[in-house]
N, C-alpha and C. Protein backbone atom coordinates (compact mmCIF):
# COMPACT_ATOMS: atom_id res chain seq x y z
N MET A 1 128.19 106.56 127.56
CA MET A 1 127.21 107.01 126.58
C MET A 1 127.08 108.53 126.60
N ALA A 2 127.84 109.18 127.43
CA ALA A 2 127.76 110.64 127.51
C ALA A 2 128.21 111.25 126.19
N TYR A 3 127.66 112.38 125.87
CA TYR A 3 128.10 113.06 124.67
C TYR A 3 128.57 114.45 125.05
N ILE A 4 129.44 114.98 124.25
CA ILE A 4 129.97 116.33 124.47
C ILE A 4 128.90 117.30 123.97
N ASN A 5 128.67 118.37 124.71
CA ASN A 5 127.66 119.33 124.25
C ASN A 5 128.02 119.81 122.86
N GLY A 6 127.08 119.68 121.97
CA GLY A 6 127.29 120.09 120.59
C GLY A 6 126.78 121.51 120.37
N MET A 7 126.74 121.87 119.10
CA MET A 7 126.27 123.19 118.70
C MET A 7 124.90 123.00 118.04
N LYS A 8 123.98 123.87 118.39
CA LYS A 8 122.64 123.79 117.82
C LYS A 8 122.70 124.18 116.33
N ARG A 9 122.04 123.39 115.49
CA ARG A 9 122.01 123.66 114.05
C ARG A 9 120.59 124.00 113.61
N PRO A 10 120.45 124.79 112.54
CA PRO A 10 119.10 125.08 112.04
C PRO A 10 118.47 123.84 111.41
N ILE A 11 117.17 123.66 111.65
CA ILE A 11 116.43 122.51 111.12
C ILE A 11 115.70 122.94 109.85
N LEU A 12 115.86 122.16 108.78
CA LEU A 12 115.17 122.44 107.52
C LEU A 12 113.67 122.22 107.69
N ILE A 13 112.89 123.06 107.03
CA ILE A 13 111.43 122.94 107.07
C ILE A 13 110.94 122.44 105.70
N HIS A 14 110.04 121.47 105.74
CA HIS A 14 109.39 120.94 104.53
C HIS A 14 108.58 122.05 103.88
N PRO A 15 108.47 122.19 102.58
CA PRO A 15 109.17 121.39 101.57
C PRO A 15 110.58 121.94 101.31
N ASP A 16 111.55 121.05 101.35
CA ASP A 16 112.94 121.37 101.02
C ASP A 16 113.45 120.15 100.27
N PRO A 17 114.03 120.35 99.09
CA PRO A 17 114.44 119.19 98.28
C PRO A 17 115.41 118.24 99.01
N ARG A 18 116.19 118.76 99.94
CA ARG A 18 117.14 117.90 100.66
C ARG A 18 116.43 116.87 101.53
N LEU A 19 115.20 117.17 101.94
CA LEU A 19 114.44 116.23 102.78
C LEU A 19 113.90 115.04 101.97
N LYS A 20 113.98 115.12 100.64
CA LYS A 20 113.46 114.05 99.79
C LYS A 20 114.59 113.22 99.15
N LYS A 21 115.82 113.46 99.55
CA LYS A 21 116.97 112.75 98.97
C LYS A 21 117.30 111.50 99.78
N VAL A 22 117.80 110.48 99.08
CA VAL A 22 118.31 109.28 99.75
C VAL A 22 119.75 109.59 100.17
N CYS A 23 120.05 109.32 101.44
CA CYS A 23 121.35 109.67 102.00
C CYS A 23 122.41 108.60 101.73
N ALA A 24 123.67 109.05 101.74
CA ALA A 24 124.82 108.16 101.49
C ALA A 24 125.24 107.45 102.77
N GLU A 25 125.73 106.21 102.61
CA GLU A 25 126.31 105.48 103.75
C GLU A 25 127.48 106.28 104.30
N VAL A 26 127.71 106.15 105.59
CA VAL A 26 128.89 106.76 106.22
C VAL A 26 130.00 105.71 106.12
N PRO A 27 131.03 105.95 105.27
CA PRO A 27 132.05 104.92 105.04
C PRO A 27 132.93 104.65 106.25
N ASP A 28 133.34 105.72 106.93
CA ASP A 28 134.12 105.51 108.15
C ASP A 28 133.87 106.65 109.11
N LEU A 29 134.08 106.37 110.37
CA LEU A 29 133.79 107.34 111.41
C LEU A 29 134.96 108.30 111.58
N THR A 30 134.67 109.58 111.43
CA THR A 30 135.70 110.60 111.62
C THR A 30 135.29 111.45 112.80
N ASP A 31 136.23 112.26 113.29
CA ASP A 31 135.89 113.20 114.36
C ASP A 31 134.80 114.16 113.90
N ALA A 32 134.84 114.53 112.62
CA ALA A 32 133.82 115.44 112.09
C ALA A 32 132.43 114.79 112.18
N MET A 33 132.34 113.49 111.92
CA MET A 33 131.05 112.79 112.01
C MET A 33 130.59 112.70 113.47
N ARG A 34 131.52 112.49 114.39
CA ARG A 34 131.16 112.44 115.82
C ARG A 34 130.67 113.81 116.27
N THR A 35 131.33 114.86 115.81
CA THR A 35 130.91 116.24 116.14
C THR A 35 129.52 116.50 115.58
N LEU A 36 129.28 116.04 114.36
CA LEU A 36 127.96 116.19 113.74
C LEU A 36 126.90 115.50 114.61
N ALA A 37 127.20 114.29 115.10
CA ALA A 37 126.26 113.56 115.96
C ALA A 37 125.99 114.35 117.24
N ASP A 38 127.03 114.92 117.84
CA ASP A 38 126.85 115.73 119.06
C ASP A 38 125.99 116.96 118.76
N ASP A 39 126.25 117.60 117.63
CA ASP A 39 125.45 118.77 117.23
C ASP A 39 123.99 118.37 117.04
N MET A 40 123.77 117.19 116.45
CA MET A 40 122.40 116.74 116.21
C MET A 40 121.67 116.46 117.53
N LEU A 41 122.37 115.85 118.49
CA LEU A 41 121.74 115.62 119.80
C LEU A 41 121.38 116.96 120.45
N GLU A 42 122.30 117.89 120.43
CA GLU A 42 122.06 119.23 121.00
C GLU A 42 120.83 119.87 120.34
N THR A 43 120.77 119.79 119.01
CA THR A 43 119.67 120.37 118.24
C THR A 43 118.35 119.69 118.59
N MET A 44 118.37 118.35 118.68
CA MET A 44 117.16 117.58 118.99
C MET A 44 116.63 117.93 120.38
N TYR A 45 117.52 117.93 121.38
CA TYR A 45 117.09 118.23 122.75
C TYR A 45 116.55 119.66 122.85
N ALA A 46 117.18 120.60 122.15
CA ALA A 46 116.78 122.01 122.22
C ALA A 46 115.43 122.25 121.54
N ALA A 47 115.07 121.41 120.57
CA ALA A 47 113.90 121.67 119.71
C ALA A 47 112.56 121.82 120.47
N PRO A 48 112.13 121.00 121.40
CA PRO A 48 112.64 119.68 121.77
C PRO A 48 111.99 118.59 120.92
N GLY A 49 112.75 117.52 120.71
CA GLY A 49 112.23 116.38 119.95
C GLY A 49 112.79 115.08 120.50
N VAL A 50 112.33 113.96 119.95
CA VAL A 50 112.81 112.64 120.39
C VAL A 50 113.69 111.98 119.33
N GLY A 51 113.81 112.61 118.16
CA GLY A 51 114.65 112.05 117.11
C GLY A 51 115.02 113.12 116.11
N LEU A 52 116.14 112.90 115.42
CA LEU A 52 116.58 113.84 114.37
C LEU A 52 117.46 113.06 113.40
N ALA A 53 117.25 113.31 112.11
CA ALA A 53 118.05 112.67 111.07
C ALA A 53 118.92 113.74 110.40
N ALA A 54 120.11 113.34 109.97
CA ALA A 54 121.07 114.28 109.36
C ALA A 54 120.47 115.13 108.23
N PRO A 55 119.63 114.56 107.33
CA PRO A 55 119.09 115.43 106.27
C PRO A 55 118.25 116.59 106.80
N GLN A 56 117.73 116.46 108.03
CA GLN A 56 116.93 117.54 108.60
C GLN A 56 117.79 118.77 108.92
N ILE A 57 119.11 118.60 108.99
CA ILE A 57 119.98 119.76 109.16
C ILE A 57 120.84 119.96 107.90
N GLY A 58 120.37 119.35 106.79
CA GLY A 58 121.00 119.58 105.50
C GLY A 58 122.21 118.72 105.20
N VAL A 59 122.43 117.66 105.98
CA VAL A 59 123.58 116.77 105.76
C VAL A 59 123.05 115.44 105.23
N LEU A 60 123.47 115.08 104.01
CA LEU A 60 122.89 113.90 103.36
C LEU A 60 123.72 112.64 103.64
N ASP A 61 123.90 112.34 104.92
CA ASP A 61 124.59 111.13 105.38
C ASP A 61 123.63 110.31 106.22
N ARG A 62 123.87 108.98 106.24
CA ARG A 62 123.00 108.07 106.99
C ARG A 62 123.36 108.10 108.47
N LEU A 63 122.81 109.10 109.16
CA LEU A 63 123.05 109.29 110.59
C LEU A 63 121.75 109.77 111.22
N ILE A 64 121.36 109.10 112.31
CA ILE A 64 120.21 109.55 113.09
C ILE A 64 120.58 109.57 114.57
N VAL A 65 119.88 110.39 115.33
CA VAL A 65 120.01 110.39 116.79
C VAL A 65 118.60 110.30 117.35
N LEU A 66 118.46 109.66 118.50
CA LEU A 66 117.16 109.61 119.15
C LEU A 66 117.30 109.42 120.65
N ASP A 67 116.28 109.83 121.34
CA ASP A 67 116.17 109.62 122.78
C ASP A 67 114.69 109.70 123.13
N CYS A 68 114.09 108.54 123.30
CA CYS A 68 112.64 108.48 123.57
C CYS A 68 112.34 108.31 125.05
N ALA A 69 113.35 108.48 125.91
CA ALA A 69 113.12 108.40 127.36
C ALA A 69 112.43 109.69 127.78
N LYS A 70 111.10 109.65 127.90
CA LYS A 70 110.34 110.87 128.16
C LYS A 70 109.77 110.96 129.56
N GLU A 71 109.65 109.82 130.23
CA GLU A 71 109.09 109.86 131.58
C GLU A 71 110.04 110.58 132.52
N ASP A 72 109.49 111.29 133.50
CA ASP A 72 110.31 112.08 134.42
C ASP A 72 111.38 111.26 135.14
N GLU A 73 111.01 110.01 135.52
CA GLU A 73 111.97 109.20 136.28
C GLU A 73 112.99 108.49 135.37
N GLU A 74 112.78 108.56 134.06
CA GLU A 74 113.72 107.92 133.13
C GLU A 74 114.94 108.80 132.91
N SER A 75 116.12 108.18 132.91
CA SER A 75 117.33 108.93 132.57
C SER A 75 117.39 109.08 131.06
N PRO A 76 117.98 110.18 130.59
CA PRO A 76 118.14 110.33 129.14
C PRO A 76 118.92 109.13 128.58
N ARG A 77 118.56 108.73 127.37
CA ARG A 77 119.26 107.62 126.72
C ARG A 77 119.55 108.01 125.27
N PRO A 78 120.52 108.92 125.08
CA PRO A 78 120.82 109.36 123.71
C PRO A 78 121.43 108.22 122.90
N LEU A 79 120.86 107.95 121.73
CA LEU A 79 121.40 106.95 120.82
C LEU A 79 121.88 107.64 119.56
N VAL A 80 123.07 107.28 119.10
CA VAL A 80 123.64 107.78 117.86
C VAL A 80 123.77 106.58 116.94
N MET A 81 123.16 106.65 115.77
CA MET A 81 123.18 105.52 114.84
C MET A 81 123.71 105.94 113.48
N PHE A 82 124.86 105.38 113.11
CA PHE A 82 125.40 105.57 111.77
C PHE A 82 124.96 104.37 110.94
N ASN A 83 124.48 104.60 109.72
CA ASN A 83 124.05 103.55 108.80
C ASN A 83 123.04 102.58 109.43
N PRO A 84 121.99 103.10 110.10
CA PRO A 84 121.01 102.20 110.71
C PRO A 84 120.21 101.44 109.65
N LYS A 85 119.92 100.20 109.96
CA LYS A 85 119.17 99.33 109.05
C LYS A 85 118.18 98.51 109.85
N ILE A 86 116.95 98.45 109.39
CA ILE A 86 115.96 97.57 110.02
C ILE A 86 116.20 96.17 109.46
N VAL A 87 116.50 95.22 110.35
CA VAL A 87 116.78 93.86 109.89
C VAL A 87 115.57 92.94 110.06
N SER A 88 114.65 93.31 110.94
CA SER A 88 113.38 92.57 111.01
C SER A 88 112.32 93.46 111.64
N ALA A 89 111.07 93.17 111.28
CA ALA A 89 109.94 93.95 111.78
C ALA A 89 108.79 93.01 112.08
N SER A 90 108.04 93.32 113.11
CA SER A 90 106.90 92.48 113.50
C SER A 90 105.74 92.67 112.53
N ASP A 91 104.89 91.64 112.45
CA ASP A 91 103.65 91.76 111.67
C ASP A 91 102.66 92.63 112.43
N GLU A 92 102.76 92.58 113.76
CA GLU A 92 101.88 93.38 114.60
C GLU A 92 102.23 94.86 114.42
N THR A 93 101.20 95.70 114.35
CA THR A 93 101.45 97.13 114.13
C THR A 93 100.99 97.96 115.32
N ASN A 94 101.43 99.19 115.32
CA ASN A 94 101.07 100.20 116.31
C ASN A 94 100.67 101.45 115.56
N VAL A 95 99.78 102.23 116.14
CA VAL A 95 99.43 103.53 115.56
C VAL A 95 99.87 104.59 116.55
N TYR A 96 100.72 105.50 116.10
CA TYR A 96 101.14 106.63 116.93
C TYR A 96 100.83 107.92 116.20
N GLU A 97 100.52 108.95 116.99
CA GLU A 97 100.40 110.28 116.41
C GLU A 97 101.82 110.80 116.26
N GLU A 98 102.26 110.94 115.01
CA GLU A 98 103.63 111.37 114.75
C GLU A 98 103.69 112.85 114.41
N GLY A 99 104.82 113.43 114.75
CA GLY A 99 105.13 114.79 114.37
C GLY A 99 106.55 114.79 113.86
N CYS A 100 107.04 115.93 113.41
CA CYS A 100 108.39 115.99 112.85
C CYS A 100 108.93 117.41 113.03
N LEU A 101 110.19 117.50 113.43
CA LEU A 101 110.80 118.82 113.63
C LEU A 101 110.88 119.61 112.32
N SER A 102 110.84 118.92 111.17
CA SER A 102 110.85 119.60 109.87
C SER A 102 109.44 119.97 109.40
N ILE A 103 108.43 119.55 110.18
CA ILE A 103 107.04 119.87 109.86
C ILE A 103 106.40 120.34 111.17
N PRO A 104 106.80 121.52 111.67
CA PRO A 104 106.40 121.96 113.00
C PRO A 104 104.88 122.04 113.20
N ASP A 105 104.45 121.61 114.40
CA ASP A 105 103.06 121.75 114.85
C ASP A 105 102.04 121.00 114.00
N GLN A 106 102.48 120.00 113.25
CA GLN A 106 101.56 119.18 112.45
C GLN A 106 101.71 117.73 112.91
N TYR A 107 100.59 117.08 113.18
CA TYR A 107 100.62 115.71 113.70
C TYR A 107 99.60 114.88 112.96
N ALA A 108 99.90 113.59 112.80
CA ALA A 108 98.95 112.68 112.17
C ALA A 108 99.26 111.26 112.63
N GLU A 109 98.23 110.44 112.63
CA GLU A 109 98.41 109.05 113.02
C GLU A 109 99.04 108.26 111.88
N VAL A 110 100.08 107.49 112.22
CA VAL A 110 100.79 106.67 111.25
C VAL A 110 100.86 105.25 111.82
N THR A 111 100.59 104.27 110.97
CA THR A 111 100.68 102.87 111.37
C THR A 111 102.02 102.31 110.92
N ARG A 112 102.73 101.69 111.86
CA ARG A 112 104.04 101.08 111.57
C ARG A 112 104.16 99.77 112.34
N PRO A 113 105.16 98.93 111.97
CA PRO A 113 105.41 97.73 112.78
C PRO A 113 105.64 98.10 114.25
N LYS A 114 105.08 97.29 115.15
CA LYS A 114 105.17 97.55 116.59
C LYS A 114 106.59 97.33 117.12
N VAL A 115 107.27 96.30 116.57
CA VAL A 115 108.61 95.94 117.04
C VAL A 115 109.54 95.85 115.83
N VAL A 116 110.73 96.45 115.95
CA VAL A 116 111.74 96.33 114.89
C VAL A 116 113.10 96.02 115.50
N GLU A 117 113.88 95.26 114.76
CA GLU A 117 115.26 95.01 115.15
C GLU A 117 116.14 95.83 114.21
N VAL A 118 117.06 96.58 114.79
CA VAL A 118 117.88 97.52 114.02
C VAL A 118 119.36 97.23 114.25
N GLU A 119 120.14 97.30 113.17
CA GLU A 119 121.61 97.21 113.25
C GLU A 119 122.16 98.58 112.87
N TRP A 120 123.25 98.99 113.50
CA TRP A 120 123.89 100.25 113.17
C TRP A 120 125.33 100.25 113.69
N MET A 121 126.04 101.30 113.34
CA MET A 121 127.38 101.53 113.89
C MET A 121 127.24 102.65 114.92
N ASN A 122 127.77 102.41 116.13
CA ASN A 122 127.62 103.43 117.17
C ASN A 122 128.71 104.50 117.05
N ARG A 123 128.66 105.45 117.97
CA ARG A 123 129.57 106.60 117.97
C ARG A 123 131.04 106.19 118.05
N ASP A 124 131.30 104.99 118.63
CA ASP A 124 132.67 104.50 118.75
C ASP A 124 133.10 103.65 117.56
N GLY A 125 132.21 103.50 116.58
CA GLY A 125 132.55 102.72 115.39
C GLY A 125 132.27 101.23 115.55
N ASN A 126 131.60 100.84 116.65
CA ASN A 126 131.29 99.43 116.88
C ASN A 126 129.91 99.08 116.34
N ALA A 127 129.78 97.83 115.88
CA ALA A 127 128.48 97.36 115.41
C ALA A 127 127.56 97.20 116.61
N ALA A 128 126.31 97.60 116.44
CA ALA A 128 125.32 97.48 117.50
C ALA A 128 124.05 96.91 116.89
N ARG A 129 123.26 96.25 117.74
CA ARG A 129 122.00 95.67 117.29
C ARG A 129 121.06 95.67 118.48
N GLU A 130 119.82 96.10 118.26
CA GLU A 130 118.87 96.14 119.36
C GLU A 130 117.45 96.00 118.81
N THR A 131 116.58 95.45 119.66
CA THR A 131 115.16 95.35 119.32
C THR A 131 114.44 96.49 120.03
N PHE A 132 113.63 97.22 119.27
CA PHE A 132 112.88 98.36 119.80
C PHE A 132 111.40 98.08 119.72
N ASP A 133 110.66 98.60 120.71
CA ASP A 133 109.23 98.38 120.81
C ASP A 133 108.56 99.74 121.09
N GLY A 134 107.26 99.83 120.78
CA GLY A 134 106.49 101.01 121.15
C GLY A 134 107.02 102.29 120.53
N LEU A 135 107.11 103.34 121.35
CA LEU A 135 107.55 104.65 120.86
C LEU A 135 108.96 104.58 120.25
N TRP A 136 109.87 103.83 120.87
CA TRP A 136 111.23 103.70 120.33
C TRP A 136 111.20 103.11 118.92
N ALA A 137 110.34 102.09 118.71
CA ALA A 137 110.24 101.46 117.39
C ALA A 137 109.70 102.46 116.36
N THR A 138 108.67 103.20 116.75
CA THR A 138 108.09 104.20 115.85
C THR A 138 109.13 105.26 115.50
N CYS A 139 109.83 105.74 116.51
CA CYS A 139 110.81 106.81 116.33
C CYS A 139 111.96 106.37 115.41
N VAL A 140 112.51 105.19 115.66
CA VAL A 140 113.65 104.74 114.85
C VAL A 140 113.21 104.54 113.39
N GLN A 141 111.98 104.04 113.18
CA GLN A 141 111.48 103.87 111.80
C GLN A 141 111.27 105.23 111.13
N HIS A 142 110.73 106.18 111.88
CA HIS A 142 110.50 107.54 111.36
C HIS A 142 111.83 108.17 110.92
N GLU A 143 112.86 108.03 111.77
CA GLU A 143 114.17 108.64 111.46
C GLU A 143 114.85 107.93 110.29
N ILE A 144 114.77 106.59 110.24
CA ILE A 144 115.37 105.86 109.12
C ILE A 144 114.67 106.25 107.82
N ASP A 145 113.34 106.47 107.88
CA ASP A 145 112.62 106.95 106.69
C ASP A 145 113.26 108.23 106.15
N HIS A 146 113.63 109.15 107.05
CA HIS A 146 114.27 110.40 106.61
C HIS A 146 115.50 110.12 105.75
N LEU A 147 116.25 109.07 106.09
CA LEU A 147 117.48 108.75 105.35
C LEU A 147 117.18 108.26 103.94
N ASP A 148 115.93 107.84 103.74
CA ASP A 148 115.49 107.37 102.43
C ASP A 148 114.61 108.40 101.72
N GLY A 149 114.61 109.64 102.23
CA GLY A 149 113.86 110.72 101.60
C GLY A 149 112.36 110.63 101.81
N LYS A 150 111.95 109.95 102.89
CA LYS A 150 110.52 109.76 103.16
C LYS A 150 110.13 110.49 104.45
N LEU A 151 109.01 111.21 104.40
CA LEU A 151 108.49 111.94 105.56
C LEU A 151 107.23 111.25 106.07
N PHE A 152 106.89 111.49 107.33
CA PHE A 152 105.70 110.83 107.88
C PHE A 152 104.43 111.21 107.11
N ILE A 153 104.41 112.40 106.51
CA ILE A 153 103.21 112.81 105.77
C ILE A 153 103.05 112.00 104.47
N ASP A 154 104.12 111.32 104.03
CA ASP A 154 104.02 110.47 102.85
C ASP A 154 103.11 109.26 103.10
N TYR A 155 102.82 108.96 104.38
CA TYR A 155 101.91 107.87 104.73
C TYR A 155 100.45 108.32 104.73
N LEU A 156 100.23 109.62 104.59
CA LEU A 156 98.86 110.16 104.69
C LEU A 156 98.18 110.20 103.34
N LYS A 157 96.86 110.40 103.37
CA LYS A 157 96.10 110.55 102.13
C LYS A 157 96.55 111.85 101.45
N PRO A 158 96.51 111.89 100.10
CA PRO A 158 97.02 113.06 99.36
C PRO A 158 96.46 114.40 99.83
N LEU A 159 95.16 114.47 100.12
CA LEU A 159 94.56 115.75 100.50
C LEU A 159 95.16 116.28 101.80
N LYS A 160 95.29 115.42 102.80
CA LYS A 160 95.85 115.80 104.09
C LYS A 160 97.32 116.21 103.92
N ARG A 161 98.05 115.46 103.10
CA ARG A 161 99.47 115.75 102.85
C ARG A 161 99.61 117.13 102.18
N GLN A 162 98.76 117.41 101.19
CA GLN A 162 98.82 118.71 100.49
C GLN A 162 98.48 119.85 101.44
N MET A 163 97.50 119.63 102.32
CA MET A 163 97.10 120.66 103.27
C MET A 163 98.29 121.01 104.18
N ILE A 164 98.97 119.99 104.69
CA ILE A 164 100.12 120.21 105.58
C ILE A 164 101.25 120.90 104.81
N THR A 165 101.49 120.47 103.58
CA THR A 165 102.55 121.08 102.76
C THR A 165 102.26 122.57 102.54
N ARG A 166 101.00 122.91 102.27
CA ARG A 166 100.64 124.34 102.08
C ARG A 166 100.90 125.13 103.36
N LYS A 167 100.56 124.54 104.51
CA LYS A 167 100.81 125.23 105.79
C LYS A 167 102.31 125.48 105.98
N MET A 168 103.12 124.51 105.58
CA MET A 168 104.58 124.66 105.74
C MET A 168 105.13 125.72 104.78
N GLN A 169 104.59 125.78 103.57
CA GLN A 169 105.01 126.82 102.62
C GLN A 169 104.69 128.20 103.17
N LYS A 170 103.52 128.33 103.77
CA LYS A 170 103.09 129.61 104.37
C LYS A 170 104.03 129.96 105.54
N LEU A 171 104.32 128.98 106.40
CA LEU A 171 105.22 129.19 107.54
C LEU A 171 106.60 129.67 107.05
N LYS A 172 107.11 129.04 106.00
CA LYS A 172 108.43 129.41 105.48
C LYS A 172 108.41 130.86 104.93
N ARG A 173 107.31 131.23 104.26
CA ARG A 173 107.18 132.62 103.76
C ARG A 173 107.17 133.60 104.92
N GLU A 174 106.39 133.26 105.96
CA GLU A 174 106.32 134.15 107.13
C GLU A 174 107.68 134.30 107.80
N ARG A 175 108.41 133.18 107.94
CA ARG A 175 109.73 133.24 108.58
C ARG A 175 110.72 134.03 107.73
N ALA A 176 110.59 133.92 106.40
CA ALA A 176 111.50 134.63 105.48
C ALA A 176 111.29 136.15 105.60
N ARG A 177 110.02 136.56 105.80
CA ARG A 177 109.72 137.98 105.97
C ARG A 177 110.27 138.49 107.29
N GLY A 178 110.34 137.58 108.27
CA GLY A 178 110.89 137.89 109.59
C GLY A 178 110.12 138.93 110.30
């Protein structure tokens, strides 16, 4: 499961039209796609974050990476998912305070299914399927949402969403001035 150290990529900040696009299926695994996955892991760990979707670095392909092993005694568990799909979700829900690398320093509680079963193609091109619970379930759903052009703030009430969007516009102006 080891990955080759990738190259850190710039993360897009909301609002950016690429973050609202539905991404294309990855038809076949190429070395370029594997390199992209390595770059995404490097970018995610450096941020630091627990998940990253390809559109967040401007690539409109169905690819996400995640690693929710956060406890000190836990070993890193980088997951690379090409064309991830939720095949079942529990009726029971969980509420987590979510954040997003494309919406820095903004957090809000989002309710999602507590347990999800996901199918995907792994870095080696093999079909994989796993059931995720808790933080892993929230994270994988959050990242798959990115592939469908949906951000965690889309779950919020309009006023709160607009407030966060204005903060991000201001941040982008400040960064542009440098």
